[in-house]
Amino acid sequence: MNDERLQGHARFTVRQRTARMADQYVVTVAGPGDSEGEVVAFARRKPMSPKEEVTIYTDESRTSVLCTSEARQVDDFGAVHDVRDSAGAVIGSFREKPVVSLVRSTWAMEQPGTLELTGRERNWAMAVLRRVWEFLPYVEFVPFLWPYHFDFTATGEAKRLMSFDRKFGLRDRYVLDIASADIDRRLAIAQAGALDTLEER
């Protein structure tokens, strides 16, 4: 799917695929009941890389690059991730805000020529529960199954422009809903992958 057609869609499903060496995600157009429709992107994190690097292809064949995402530094927490198009031009960036994320995960997503978006965990109680869960004994053998969600708004405003909702289940599956036509879908997909990969660490 080319960039123009991709930009015309507003709702996507994001499903993590089990892989031995690297995180992989299949992104599709959301159909009725959030069923999986046409594949629009296939994301793969570079294994064994000191910095977070993700290549997002147009489909599962991995023959054509849609965009890439790469952290500017080795430390994930607070690192700026630059998202580039297939030609290498920067289309935006995102980063986690370290201090406020200690209690409630918060991200900043920037796109040139638009307002900065702030993404926060929707539910305060769920945010606290996720943090308490990490300190419980034997949690490494029991995944956190309860859904958690993120809402993105223009900084200083209340209107939701993008949301990322985790669905209940053993496998990581999400719905990415974009309410603004101005948000670059490639940047949104890259941010969505990071919300799963980095939030799960």
Protein backbone atom coordinates (compact mmCIF):
# COMPACT_ATOMS: atom_id res chain seq x y z
CA MET A 1 0.00 0.00 0.00
CA ASN A 2 1.44 3.38 -0.98
CA ASP A 3 1.73 6.33 1.41
CA GLU A 4 -1.29 8.17 -0.02
CA ARG A 5 -3.62 5.19 0.41
CA LEU A 6 -2.23 4.49 3.88
CA GLN A 7 -2.94 8.08 4.91
CA GLY A 8 -6.58 7.59 3.95
CA HIS A 9 -7.14 5.02 6.67
CA ALA A 10 -7.82 5.94 10.29
CA ARG A 11 -8.14 2.65 12.18
CA PHE A 12 -5.63 -0.19 12.30
CA THR A 13 -4.98 -3.42 14.17
CA VAL A 14 -1.47 -4.13 15.45
CA ARG A 15 -0.62 -7.73 16.30
CA GLN A 16 2.65 -8.99 17.69
CA ARG A 17 4.03 -12.05 15.95
CA THR A 18 6.06 -14.55 17.95
CA ALA A 19 9.65 -14.63 16.73
CA ARG A 20 12.78 -16.21 18.14
CA MET A 21 15.22 -13.34 17.75
CA ALA A 22 13.27 -10.12 17.26
CA ASP A 23 9.93 -8.44 17.94
CA GLN A 24 7.69 -8.45 14.89
CA TYR A 25 4.34 -6.76 14.30
CA VAL A 26 1.72 -7.10 11.59
CA VAL A 27 -0.35 -3.97 10.99
CA THR A 28 -3.63 -4.22 9.10
CA VAL A 29 -6.56 -1.98 8.28
CA ALA A 30 -9.19 -2.60 10.98
CA GLY A 31 -12.33 -4.20 9.60
CA PRO A 32 -15.76 -4.73 11.17
CA GLY A 33 -15.46 -5.52 14.86
CA ASP A 34 -11.78 -4.62 14.63
CA SER A 35 -11.08 -7.68 12.50
CA GLU A 36 -7.84 -7.75 10.52
CA GLY A 37 -8.13 -6.52 6.95
CA GLU A 38 -5.46 -5.65 4.41
CA VAL A 39 -1.87 -5.73 5.63
CA VAL A 40 -0.39 -2.23 5.45
CA ALA A 41 2.85 -2.66 7.40
CA PHE A 42 5.16 -5.28 8.87
CA ALA A 43 7.55 -4.09 11.58
CA ARG A 44 10.68 -5.90 12.67
CA ARG A 45 13.06 -4.83 15.43
CA LYS A 46 16.74 -5.32 14.65
CA PRO A 47 18.05 -8.10 16.91
CA MET A 48 21.12 -7.68 19.09
CA SER A 49 21.38 -3.96 18.40
CA PRO A 50 22.70 -1.69 21.20
CA LYS A 51 20.18 0.96 20.12
CA GLU A 52 16.50 0.42 19.41
CA GLU A 53 16.20 0.02 15.62
CA VAL A 54 13.01 -0.95 13.82
CA THR A 55 12.38 -1.36 10.10
CA ILE A 56 8.77 -1.08 8.98
CA TYR A 57 8.03 -2.67 5.61
CA THR A 58 4.97 -2.25 3.41
CA ASP A 59 4.06 -5.93 3.87
CA GLU A 60 5.30 -9.26 5.16
CA SER A 61 7.47 -9.94 2.12
CA ARG A 62 9.91 -7.28 3.44
CA THR A 63 10.79 -6.18 -0.07
CA SER A 64 9.83 -2.52 0.29
CA VAL A 65 10.56 -0.23 3.26
CA LEU A 66 7.78 2.02 4.50
CA CYS A 67 9.85 3.78 7.16
CA THR A 68 12.43 3.19 9.88
CA SER A 69 12.72 4.09 13.54
CA GLU A 70 16.01 4.46 15.39
CA ALA A 71 16.91 5.69 18.87
CA ARG A 72 19.57 8.38 19.08
CA GLN A 73 21.20 6.75 22.11
CA VAL A 74 21.65 3.34 23.69
CA ASP A 75 19.52 3.98 26.79
CA ASP A 76 15.85 3.32 25.94
CA PHE A 77 14.40 5.35 28.79
CA GLY A 78 13.94 8.89 27.51
CA ALA A 79 15.76 8.31 24.21
CA VAL A 80 14.51 10.20 21.17
CA HIS A 81 13.50 7.88 18.33
CA ASP A 82 13.72 9.37 14.85
CA VAL A 83 11.30 8.07 12.23
CA ARG A 84 12.49 8.34 8.61
CA ASP A 85 10.78 7.63 5.32
CA SER A 86 12.13 5.16 2.77
CA ALA A 87 14.45 7.86 1.38
CA GLY A 88 15.92 8.66 4.81
CA ALA A 89 14.12 11.98 5.41
CA VAL A 90 12.88 12.54 8.97
CA ILE A 91 9.08 12.51 9.19
CA GLY A 92 8.86 12.79 12.98
CA SER A 93 10.09 11.50 16.32
CA PHE A 94 8.86 10.19 19.64
CA ARG A 95 10.27 9.78 23.13
CA GLU A 96 9.19 8.69 26.56
CA LYS A 97 9.14 11.36 29.26
CA PRO A 98 11.22 9.74 32.04
CA VAL A 99 10.13 11.58 35.18
CA VAL A 100 6.33 11.49 34.76
CA SER A 101 6.54 7.94 33.35
CA LEU A 102 7.69 6.63 36.72
CA VAL A 103 4.05 6.80 37.82
CA ARG A 104 2.10 6.97 34.56
CA SER A 105 3.75 6.28 31.21
CA THR A 106 3.83 9.43 29.09
CA TRP A 107 5.19 9.91 25.57
CA ALA A 108 5.80 12.88 23.30
CA MET A 109 5.30 12.45 19.56
CA GLU A 110 6.46 15.25 17.26
CA GLN A 111 5.78 15.75 13.58
CA PRO A 112 7.31 18.70 11.69
CA GLY A 113 4.72 21.36 10.92
CA THR A 114 2.20 20.14 13.50
CA LEU A 115 1.69 20.37 17.25
CA GLU A 116 3.49 18.03 19.59
CA LEU A 117 1.26 15.24 20.80
CA THR A 118 1.36 13.91 24.36
CA GLY A 119 0.36 10.29 24.94
CA ARG A 120 -0.56 9.04 28.43
CA GLU A 121 -1.87 5.85 29.92
CA ARG A 122 -5.61 6.34 30.07
CA ASN A 123 -6.23 4.72 33.44
CA TRP A 124 -4.33 5.84 36.55
CA ALA A 125 -5.22 2.70 38.50
CA MET A 126 -4.02 0.42 35.71
CA ALA A 127 -0.76 2.38 35.49
CA VAL A 128 -0.11 1.85 39.20
CA LEU A 129 -1.09 -1.83 39.00
CA ARG A 130 1.37 -2.42 36.14
CA ARG A 131 4.17 -0.99 38.26
CA VAL A 132 3.24 -2.96 41.36
CA TRP A 133 3.07 -6.12 39.24
CA GLU A 134 6.76 -5.80 38.35
CA PHE A 135 7.74 -6.20 42.01
CA LEU A 136 5.63 -9.27 42.70
CA PRO A 137 7.47 -12.62 42.99
CA TYR A 138 7.55 -14.89 39.94
CA VAL A 139 5.99 -12.28 37.62
CA GLU A 140 8.52 -13.16 34.94
CA PHE A 141 6.50 -16.36 34.45
CA VAL A 142 3.10 -14.65 34.45
CA PRO A 143 2.41 -12.03 31.77
CA PHE A 144 0.41 -8.90 32.57
CA LEU A 145 -2.83 -9.69 30.73
CA TRP A 146 -5.06 -6.77 31.68
CA PRO A 147 -5.60 -4.30 28.85
CA TYR A 148 -4.01 -0.87 29.06
CA HIS A 149 -4.55 2.04 26.73
CA PHE A 150 -2.90 5.28 25.64
CA ASP A 151 -4.56 8.52 24.55
CA PHE A 152 -2.70 11.17 22.54
CA THR A 153 -3.73 14.81 22.62
CA ALA A 154 -2.19 18.02 21.38
CA THR A 155 -0.05 19.39 24.19
CA GLY A 156 -2.23 21.55 26.45
CA GLU A 157 -5.51 20.38 24.90
CA ALA A 158 -8.08 17.77 25.89
CA LYS A 159 -9.34 16.49 22.52
CA ARG A 160 -8.07 12.99 21.75
CA LEU A 161 -6.33 12.82 18.38
CA MET A 162 -4.98 9.27 18.57
CA SER A 163 -5.52 6.24 20.79
CA PHE A 164 -3.81 2.89 21.22
CA ASP A 165 -5.96 0.22 22.89
CA ARG A 166 -4.69 -3.15 23.99
CA LYS A 167 -7.13 -6.04 23.63
CA PHE A 168 -7.50 -8.66 26.34
CA GLY A 169 -5.69 -11.93 25.62
CA LEU A 170 -2.49 -13.92 25.84
CA ARG A 171 -1.06 -12.40 22.67
CA ASP A 172 -0.35 -8.70 22.29
CA ARG A 173 -3.01 -7.22 20.02
CA TYR A 174 -3.97 -3.57 19.74
CA VAL A 175 -6.22 -1.15 17.88
CA LEU A 176 -4.67 2.11 16.69
CA ASP A 177 -7.31 4.79 16.12
CA ILE A 178 -6.30 8.11 14.52
CA ALA A 179 -8.79 10.98 14.64
CA SER A 180 -6.66 13.61 12.89
CA ALA A 181 -6.00 13.60 9.14
CA ASP A 182 -2.77 15.53 9.77
CA ILE A 183 -1.01 12.73 11.67
CA ASP A 184 1.39 10.81 9.46
CA ARG A 185 0.27 7.18 9.62
CA ARG A 186 3.88 5.96 9.31
CA LEU A 187 4.85 7.92 12.42
CA ALA A 188 1.78 6.65 14.27
CA ILE A 189 2.57 3.02 13.40
CA ALA A 190 6.18 3.44 14.55
CA GLN A 191 4.99 4.95 17.83
CA ALA A 192 2.49 2.11 18.29
CA GLY A 193 5.22 -0.52 17.99
CA ALA A 194 7.32 1.29 20.58
CA LEU A 195 4.40 1.42 23.02
CA ASP A 196 4.33 -2.36 23.02
CA THR A 197 8.04 -3.17 22.78
CA LEU A 198 9.35 -0.58 25.25
CA GLU A 199 6.43 -0.61 27.68
CA GLU A 200 6.81 -4.36 28.11
CA ARG A 201 10.46 -4.07 29.25
